[in-house]
Amino acid sequence: MKRALLPLAVTAALGLAACSDKAKNEAAEAANAIGADVNATMSAAEQDVKAATEGALGDAQNTADSIGNSMNEGADKVGNAVQAAGDELKK
């Protein structure tokens, strides 16, 4: 929504170019305020995307760790079963 206001502010500023200095100053202040709002919004959006990305990467790492742990546990169980079978064959 704020992005839509920027072209309007620029158009208004250009339309007021022939007006008094006070009107020009007010238009410039309005344009600066809109620009500051747009910058703040973009910065907040950037931080939100960064946080979401870090969260997703953390979740992926946790999932990979869990899979690795499960594989290690499975390999240990297979190794123990093979050892037990070997011990039974020796009897």
Protein backbone atom coordinates (compact mmCIF):
# COMPACT_ATOMS: atom_id res chain seq x y z
CA MET A 1 0.00 0.00 0.00
CA LYS A 2 2.78 2.40 0.87
CA ARG A 3 4.44 1.74 -2.45
CA ALA A 4 1.30 2.98 -4.16
CA LEU A 5 1.51 6.25 -2.25
CA LEU A 6 5.01 7.12 -3.46
CA PRO A 7 4.01 7.84 -7.09
CA LEU A 8 1.08 9.88 -5.80
CA ALA A 9 3.40 11.90 -3.58
CA VAL A 10 5.78 12.50 -6.46
CA THR A 11 2.91 13.57 -8.70
CA ALA A 12 1.60 15.87 -6.01
CA ALA A 13 5.05 17.33 -5.49
CA LEU A 14 5.41 18.02 -9.19
CA GLY A 15 1.94 19.56 -9.31
CA LEU A 16 2.85 21.87 -6.47
CA ALA A 17 6.06 22.99 -8.16
CA ALA A 18 4.38 26.19 -9.24
CA CYS A 19 2.96 26.81 -5.74
CA SER A 20 4.36 28.76 -2.83
CA ASP A 21 7.52 27.85 -0.96
CA LYS A 22 5.44 26.70 2.00
CA ALA A 23 3.48 24.30 -0.19
CA LYS A 24 6.71 23.05 -1.75
CA ASN A 25 8.20 22.41 1.68
CA GLU A 26 5.10 20.56 2.84
CA ALA A 27 5.11 18.43 -0.29
CA ALA A 28 8.80 17.65 0.19
CA GLU A 29 8.20 16.73 3.83
CA ALA A 30 5.33 14.46 2.83
CA ALA A 31 7.47 12.78 0.18
CA ASN A 32 10.29 12.31 2.69
CA ALA A 33 7.88 10.81 5.23
CA ILE A 34 6.52 8.39 2.64
CA GLY A 35 10.04 7.48 1.59
CA ALA A 36 10.98 6.81 5.22
CA ASP A 37 7.87 4.62 5.64
CA VAL A 38 8.76 2.64 2.52
CA ASN A 39 12.32 2.15 3.76
CA ALA A 40 11.10 1.03 7.18
CA THR A 41 8.63 -1.39 5.63
CA MET A 42 11.27 -2.88 3.33
CA SER A 43 13.70 -3.24 6.23
CA ALA A 44 11.09 -5.01 8.33
CA ALA A 45 10.25 -7.31 5.41
CA GLU A 46 13.93 -8.12 4.94
CA GLN A 47 14.26 -9.03 8.62
CA ASP A 48 11.13 -11.21 8.42
CA VAL A 49 12.48 -13.09 5.40
CA LYS A 50 15.85 -13.53 7.08
CA ALA A 51 14.26 -14.89 10.25
CA ALA A 52 12.03 -17.26 8.27
CA THR A 53 15.00 -18.50 6.24
CA GLU A 54 17.09 -19.10 9.35
CA GLY A 55 14.17 -20.96 10.95
CA ALA A 56 13.71 -23.16 7.89
CA LEU A 57 17.41 -23.94 7.71
CA GLY A 58 17.44 -24.79 11.41
CA ASP A 59 14.48 -27.13 10.93
CA ALA A 60 16.22 -28.79 7.98
CA GLN A 61 19.40 -29.26 10.03
CA ASN A 62 17.42 -30.79 12.90
CA THR A 63 15.69 -33.17 10.49
CA ALA A 64 19.01 -34.19 8.93
CA ASP A 65 20.49 -34.77 12.39
CA SER A 66 17.48 -36.88 13.37
CA ILE A 67 17.78 -38.98 10.21
CA GLY A 68 21.50 -39.45 10.84
CA ASN A 69 20.84 -40.53 14.43
CA SER A 70 18.17 -42.99 13.29
CA MET A 71 20.54 -44.45 10.70
CA ASN A 72 23.28 -44.84 13.31
CA GLU A 73 20.88 -46.56 15.71
CA GLY A 74 19.72 -48.89 12.92
CA ALA A 75 23.30 -49.71 11.99
CA ASP A 76 24.10 -50.43 15.63
CA LYS A 77 21.10 -52.79 15.86
CA VAL A 78 22.16 -54.61 12.69
CA GLY A 79 25.71 -54.88 13.99
CA ASN A 80 24.48 -56.25 17.31
CA ALA A 81 22.24 -58.75 15.54
CA VAL A 82 25.13 -59.93 13.35
CA GLN A 83 27.36 -60.26 16.41
CA ALA A 84 24.66 -62.25 18.24
CA ALA A 85 24.18 -64.52 15.24
CA GLY A 86 27.93 -65.09 15.02
CA ASP A 87 28.05 -65.92 18.72
CA GLU A 88 25.20 -68.42 18.28
CA LEU A 89 27.01 -70.09 15.36
CA LYS A 90 30.13 -70.53 17.50
CA LYS A 91 28.19 -72.50 20.15
